Protein backbone atom coordinates (compact mmCIF):
# COMPACT_ATOMS: atom_id res chain seq x y z
CA UNK A 1 8.19 -14.64 -18.86
CA UNK A 2 10.94 -12.43 -17.49
CA UNK A 3 9.69 -10.17 -14.69
CA UNK A 4 11.15 -6.82 -13.68
CA UNK A 5 10.03 -5.61 -10.25
CA UNK A 6 10.32 -1.80 -10.33
CA UNK A 7 10.65 -0.04 -6.97
CA UNK A 8 11.11 3.69 -6.38
CA UNK A 9 12.51 4.60 -2.96
CA UNK A 10 13.19 7.72 -0.97
CA UNK A 11 14.67 7.66 2.57
CA UNK A 12 13.25 4.27 3.54
CA UNK A 13 16.40 2.21 4.11
CA UNK A 14 15.23 0.16 7.16
CA UNK A 15 12.00 -1.12 5.61
CA UNK A 16 13.59 -1.25 2.14
CA UNK A 17 15.97 -3.89 3.52
CA UNK A 18 13.01 -6.09 4.44
CA UNK A 19 11.39 -5.39 1.07
CA UNK A 20 14.46 -6.51 -0.89
CA UNK A 21 15.17 -9.53 1.31
CA UNK A 22 11.62 -10.79 0.74
CA UNK A 23 12.09 -10.50 -3.03
CA UNK A 24 15.28 -12.57 -2.82
CA UNK A 25 13.33 -15.42 -1.16
CA UNK A 26 10.86 -16.02 -3.98
CA UNK A 27 9.77 -19.63 -4.51
CA UNK A 28 9.20 -20.34 -8.21
CA UNK A 29 7.56 -23.74 -8.59
CA UNK A 30 7.16 -24.03 -12.37
CA UNK A 31 8.57 -22.69 -15.63
CA UNK A 32 6.19 -19.75 -16.07
CA UNK A 33 8.94 -17.37 -14.90
CA UNK A 34 12.25 -17.74 -16.76
CA UNK A 35 13.91 -15.29 -14.37
CA UNK A 36 13.35 -12.01 -12.59
CA UNK A 37 15.15 -8.85 -11.55
CA UNK A 38 14.53 -6.06 -9.07
CA UNK A 39 15.04 -2.58 -10.54
CA UNK A 40 15.50 -0.19 -7.63
CA UNK A 41 15.47 3.56 -8.34
CA UNK A 42 16.69 5.80 -5.55
CA UNK A 43 14.90 9.15 -5.78
CA UNK A 44 17.66 11.26 -4.21
CA UNK A 45 17.65 9.67 -0.74
CA UNK A 46 19.70 11.36 1.96
CA UNK A 47 19.65 8.47 4.46
CA UNK A 48 22.53 6.49 2.94
CA UNK A 49 20.34 4.08 0.98
CA UNK A 50 22.73 3.71 -1.96
CA UNK A 51 25.77 3.40 0.30
CA UNK A 52 24.04 0.70 2.33
CA UNK A 53 23.06 -1.17 -0.82
CA UNK A 54 26.62 -1.01 -2.18
CA UNK A 55 28.00 -2.40 1.07
CA UNK A 56 25.50 -5.27 1.03
CA UNK A 57 25.14 -5.95 -2.70
CA UNK A 58 26.18 -9.60 -2.24
CA UNK A 59 22.90 -10.15 -0.34
CA UNK A 60 20.78 -8.95 -3.26
CA UNK A 61 21.87 -10.70 -6.46
CA UNK A 62 18.60 -9.86 -8.27
CA UNK A 63 18.85 -6.11 -7.61
CA UNK A 64 20.04 -3.55 -10.14
CA UNK A 65 20.05 -0.05 -8.68
CA UNK A 66 19.85 3.38 -10.29
CA UNK A 67 19.59 6.87 -8.89
CA UNK A 68 18.19 10.25 -9.81
CA UNK A 69 17.71 13.66 -8.25
CA UNK A 70 14.65 13.98 -6.06
CA UNK A 71 12.09 14.23 -8.89
CA UNK A 72 9.30 12.15 -7.41
CA UNK A 73 7.93 8.61 -7.87
CA UNK A 74 6.61 9.19 -11.40
CA UNK A 75 10.05 9.98 -12.78
CA UNK A 76 11.58 7.18 -10.69
CA UNK A 77 9.17 4.56 -12.02
CA UNK A 78 9.68 5.78 -15.58
CA UNK A 79 13.43 5.42 -15.17
CA UNK A 80 12.89 1.94 -13.73
CA UNK A 81 10.75 0.87 -16.69
CA UNK A 82 13.29 2.26 -19.15
CA UNK A 83 16.11 0.33 -17.45
CA UNK A 84 14.10 -2.87 -16.97
CA UNK A 85 14.84 -5.98 -19.02
CA UNK A 86 11.54 -7.74 -18.45
CA UNK A 87 8.49 -8.11 -20.67
CA UNK A 88 6.36 -7.99 -17.51
CA UNK A 89 6.65 -5.08 -15.06
CA UNK A 90 5.57 -5.41 -11.44
CA UNK A 91 5.30 -2.20 -9.45
CA UNK A 92 5.57 -2.23 -5.68
CA UNK A 93 6.55 0.42 -3.16
CA UNK A 94 9.73 0.26 -1.10
CA UNK A 95 7.77 -0.10 2.16
CA UNK A 96 6.02 -3.26 0.93
CA UNK A 97 7.09 -6.72 2.16
CA UNK A 98 5.84 -9.58 -0.02
CA UNK A 99 5.29 -13.27 0.61
CA UNK A 100 7.58 -15.97 -0.84
CA UNK A 101 4.99 -16.91 -3.48
CA UNK A 102 4.34 -13.33 -4.58
CA UNK A 103 5.90 -13.53 -8.06
CA UNK A 104 4.56 -17.03 -8.73
CA UNK A 105 0.97 -16.00 -8.00
CA UNK A 106 1.23 -12.97 -10.28
CA UNK A 107 2.68 -15.21 -13.01
CA UNK A 108 -0.12 -17.76 -12.54
CA UNK A 109 -2.76 -15.03 -12.83
CA UNK A 110 -1.10 -13.56 -15.94
CA UNK A 111 -1.04 -16.92 -17.72
CA UNK A 112 -4.59 -17.77 -16.68
CA UNK A 113 -5.84 -14.31 -17.67
CA UNK A 114 -4.33 -14.52 -21.15
CA UNK A 115 -5.96 -17.90 -21.74
CA UNK A 116 -9.32 -16.60 -20.55
CA UNK A 117 -9.28 -13.30 -22.47
CA UNK A 118 -7.36 -14.47 -25.52
CA UNK A 119 -4.97 -11.51 -25.27
CA UNK A 120 -2.62 -9.76 -22.86
CA UNK A 121 -4.71 -6.60 -22.69
CA UNK A 122 -5.01 -6.73 -18.91
CA UNK A 123 -3.02 -6.42 -15.69
CA UNK A 124 -3.11 -8.25 -12.36
CA UNK A 125 -3.65 -6.44 -9.09
CA UNK A 126 -2.50 -8.08 -5.85
CA UNK A 127 -3.66 -7.56 -2.29
CA UNK A 128 -2.14 -4.91 -0.02
CA UNK A 129 -2.45 -5.33 3.74
CA UNK A 130 -1.50 -2.37 5.91
CA UNK A 131 0.57 -3.02 9.01
CA UNK A 132 2.61 -1.15 11.60
CA UNK A 133 4.39 -4.34 12.75
CA UNK A 134 7.98 -3.71 11.67
CA UNK A 135 9.46 -6.92 13.09
CA UNK A 136 6.91 -9.27 11.49
CA UNK A 137 4.97 -7.32 8.87
CA UNK A 138 3.64 -10.44 7.12
CA UNK A 139 1.84 -11.58 10.29
CA UNK A 140 -0.84 -8.89 9.92
CA UNK A 141 -4.36 -10.21 9.12
CA UNK A 142 -6.53 -8.72 6.40
CA UNK A 143 -8.82 -5.93 7.65
CA UNK A 144 -11.85 -4.27 6.10
CA UNK A 145 -9.85 -1.03 5.92
CA UNK A 146 -7.41 -2.79 3.56
CA UNK A 147 -10.04 -2.99 0.82
CA UNK A 148 -9.26 -0.94 -2.27
CA UNK A 149 -11.54 -0.18 -5.21
CA UNK A 150 -8.73 1.44 -7.22
CA UNK A 151 -8.47 0.41 -10.86
CA UNK A 152 -4.69 0.83 -11.16
CA UNK A 153 -2.47 1.47 -8.15
CA UNK A 154 1.28 0.90 -8.03
CA UNK A 155 1.39 -0.67 -4.58
CA UNK A 156 1.11 -4.16 -6.09
CA UNK A 157 0.40 -4.52 -9.81
CA UNK A 158 1.79 -6.59 -12.72
CA UNK A 159 1.39 -5.45 -16.32
CA UNK A 160 2.91 -6.19 -19.74
CA UNK A 161 5.56 -3.58 -20.41
CA UNK A 162 4.23 -2.77 -23.87
CA UNK A 163 0.99 -1.34 -22.48
CA UNK A 164 2.85 1.02 -20.17
CA UNK A 165 4.88 2.24 -23.11
CA UNK A 166 1.81 2.59 -25.33
CA UNK A 167 0.02 4.59 -22.61
CA UNK A 168 3.01 6.90 -22.29
CA UNK A 169 4.27 5.89 -18.81
CA UNK A 170 3.73 8.14 -15.78
CA UNK A 171 3.16 11.88 -16.13
CA UNK A 172 6.15 13.49 -14.39
CA UNK A 173 4.18 16.67 -13.69
CA UNK A 174 2.78 14.78 -10.71
CA UNK A 175 5.70 15.75 -8.49
CA UNK A 176 3.73 16.23 -5.27
CA UNK A 177 1.91 13.50 -3.34
CA UNK A 178 -0.85 11.51 -5.00
CA UNK A 179 -2.75 10.47 -8.14
CA UNK A 180 0.11 9.71 -10.58
CA UNK A 181 -0.76 6.01 -10.71
CA UNK A 182 -4.52 6.43 -10.93
CA UNK A 183 -4.06 8.98 -13.73
CA UNK A 184 -2.04 6.43 -15.70
CA UNK A 185 -4.84 4.00 -14.93
CA UNK A 186 -7.32 6.23 -16.78
CA UNK A 187 -5.11 6.07 -19.88
CA UNK A 188 -4.76 2.29 -19.55
CA UNK A 189 -8.53 1.96 -19.30
CA UNK A 190 -8.85 4.02 -22.47
CA UNK A 191 -6.63 1.42 -24.16
CA UNK A 192 -9.14 -1.22 -23.11
CA UNK A 193 -7.11 -2.97 -20.40
CA UNK A 194 -8.96 -5.17 -17.94
CA UNK A 195 -8.17 -5.47 -14.24
CA UNK A 196 -7.78 -9.03 -12.95
CA UNK A 197 -7.54 -9.27 -9.19
CA UNK A 198 -4.93 -11.59 -7.75
CA UNK A 199 -5.50 -11.65 -3.97
CA UNK A 200 -2.99 -14.49 -3.47
CA UNK A 201 -0.12 -12.15 -4.44
CA UNK A 202 0.04 -10.40 -1.07
CA UNK A 203 2.14 -7.42 -0.08
CA UNK A 204 2.27 -5.99 3.43
CA UNK A 205 2.48 -2.21 3.43
CA UNK A 206 4.37 -1.06 6.51
CA UNK A 207 3.94 2.32 8.13
CA UNK A 208 4.85 3.44 11.65
CA UNK A 209 2.05 3.45 14.27
CA UNK A 210 0.05 6.65 14.16
CA UNK A 211 1.17 9.42 16.51
CA UNK A 212 0.28 13.08 16.92
CA UNK A 213 3.75 14.00 15.67
CA UNK A 214 2.75 12.70 12.20
CA UNK A 215 -0.21 15.05 11.83
CA UNK A 216 1.57 18.06 10.25
CA UNK A 217 3.06 15.80 7.57
CA UNK A 218 -0.29 14.06 6.98
CA UNK A 219 -2.03 17.43 6.58
CA UNK A 220 0.64 18.55 4.13
CA UNK A 221 0.14 15.35 2.12
CA UNK A 222 -3.62 15.94 1.93
CA UNK A 223 -3.06 19.48 0.64
CA UNK A 224 -0.57 18.16 -1.91
CA UNK A 225 -3.02 15.44 -2.91
CA UNK A 226 -5.63 18.13 -3.46
CA UNK A 227 -3.32 20.08 -5.76
CA UNK A 228 -2.38 16.98 -7.74
CA UNK A 229 -6.04 16.06 -7.91
CA UNK A 230 -6.73 19.26 -9.82
CA UNK A 231 -3.97 18.36 -12.29
CA UNK A 232 -5.64 14.94 -12.63
CA UNK A 233 -8.96 16.63 -13.38
CA UNK A 234 -7.32 19.04 -15.82
CA UNK A 235 -6.10 16.05 -17.84
CA UNK A 236 -9.36 14.09 -17.55
CA UNK A 237 -12.28 16.49 -16.90
CA UNK A 238 -14.91 13.87 -16.10
CA UNK A 239 -17.38 13.48 -13.25
CA UNK A 240 -15.71 10.17 -12.36
CA UNK A 241 -12.43 11.98 -11.70
CA UNK A 242 -14.24 14.68 -9.72
CA UNK A 243 -15.59 11.93 -7.47
CA UNK A 244 -12.15 10.38 -7.09
CA UNK A 245 -10.48 13.64 -6.06
CA UNK A 246 -13.45 14.72 -3.87
CA UNK A 247 -14.17 17.85 -5.93
CA UNK A 248 -17.95 17.74 -5.61
CA UNK A 249 -20.55 19.59 -3.58
CA UNK A 250 -21.35 16.30 -1.83
CA UNK A 251 -17.79 16.02 -0.48
CA UNK A 252 -17.72 19.66 0.63
CA UNK A 253 -20.95 19.16 2.55
CA UNK A 254 -19.98 15.71 3.91
CA UNK A 255 -16.59 16.63 5.36
CA UNK A 256 -17.82 20.09 6.33
CA UNK A 257 -20.57 18.50 8.45
CA UNK A 258 -18.38 15.73 9.89
CA UNK A 259 -15.67 18.21 10.87
CA UNK A 260 -18.25 20.78 12.04
CA UNK A 261 -16.91 23.26 9.54
CA UNK A 262 -13.34 22.58 10.58
CA UNK A 263 -14.05 22.85 14.32
CA UNK A 264 -13.06 19.22 14.77
CA UNK A 265 -9.42 19.55 13.79
CA UNK A 266 -5.91 18.52 14.81
CA UNK A 267 -6.05 20.78 17.87
CA UNK A 268 -9.51 20.06 19.24
CA UNK A 269 -9.28 16.31 18.61
CA UNK A 270 -5.72 15.95 19.94
CA UNK A 271 -6.75 14.85 23.48
CA UNK A 272 -9.02 12.02 22.30
CA UNK A 273 -6.53 10.93 19.65
CA UNK A 274 -3.75 10.76 22.22
CA UNK A 275 -6.03 8.86 24.62
CA UNK A 276 -6.76 6.25 21.94
CA UNK A 277 -3.06 5.95 21.16
CA UNK A 278 -2.32 5.44 24.86
CA UNK A 279 -5.00 2.72 24.90
CA UNK A 280 -3.13 0.86 22.16
CA UNK A 281 -5.55 1.87 19.41
CA UNK A 282 -3.46 4.00 17.02
CA UNK A 283 -5.34 2.75 13.93
CA UNK A 284 -8.69 3.87 15.38
CA UNK A 285 -7.11 7.22 16.22
CA UNK A 286 -5.97 7.54 12.60
CA UNK A 287 -9.43 6.73 11.26
CA UNK A 288 -10.89 9.52 13.44
CA UNK A 289 -8.14 11.87 12.28
CA UNK A 290 -9.28 11.25 8.72
CA UNK A 291 -12.28 13.50 9.50
CA UNK A 292 -10.12 16.61 9.46
CA UNK A 293 -7.56 15.18 7.02
CA UNK A 294 -10.29 14.80 4.40
CA UNK A 295 -11.50 18.31 5.17
CA UNK A 296 -7.98 19.60 4.44
CA UNK A 297 -7.96 17.58 1.22
CA UNK A 298 -11.26 19.05 0.00
CA UNK A 299 -10.10 22.56 0.86
CA UNK A 300 -6.83 21.88 -0.97
CA UNK A 301 -8.71 20.72 -4.08
CA UNK A 302 -10.90 23.80 -4.28
CA UNK A 303 -8.06 26.18 -3.44
CA UNK A 304 -5.89 24.73 -6.22
CA UNK A 305 -8.84 24.73 -8.64
CA UNK A 306 -9.52 28.41 -7.92
CA UNK A 307 -5.84 29.25 -8.41
CA UNK A 308 -5.85 27.48 -11.76
CA UNK A 309 -8.99 29.34 -12.90
CA UNK A 310 -7.49 32.68 -11.93
CA UNK A 311 -4.25 31.85 -13.74
CA UNK A 312 -6.18 31.01 -16.91
CA UNK A 313 -8.14 34.26 -16.72
CA UNK A 314 -5.04 36.43 -16.32
């Protein structure tokens, strides 16, 4: 098989360097993989990503790079798939650092899965471990918070190209944060594709340690995720999608109670969050912050849903 690793990127040059270097160090120990390429799509970065890559292209012989205006990850991944040469597409994010056996384990799982199922109507989903260790991201141990029940998420997934094309690729209307990959997953499930987990194909998702300065951006992302969630539900008006996007009475009550109706918010919780950060517990601080972040998400969902109803009635 020939594998194309498709990576969208936007203003992530420092961690992107680690991402690409890890992909150049792949150890292929059998003939399952004939060759591979890395298709990098720059989504209008302003941090000099393309200039840096041009200056260092000799270090990345597997990389082919393309660029577009800032149209979001859906359009970037679609461009990557269209430019890819491989019959197998692996999606990862540009802040993911993989192990040296990453491609080999995905290939092993793809071959084993086809023998077991008698077809290629499936995809393999690797493990994603979150870390804020920039110097040695792959040293992070697996944590319970790294568990994901997602059916199809583009952080670490390998899939035959033909199924992406048959499903129609990513919906480019998802231009804000969230849901574009899970929405494609619904269409792949409708085509009868099976998920095969491949925990040996590990990627380490780097993000900076949580700080109070990140909160405005995190709140904005939750509101965006709420708006995109309504688009998701518009395309697939099922109770399962309502649960996924938190558009249920249960979620309104749950996060309303936990946040005391919004009383526990970024202002009132700031002292305890900063204290935890000072104690060297930024991850715990982030988990507590999720109380009000989820409340913003639920409010964003219902606000966008009400706007859409009013627009349809006018």
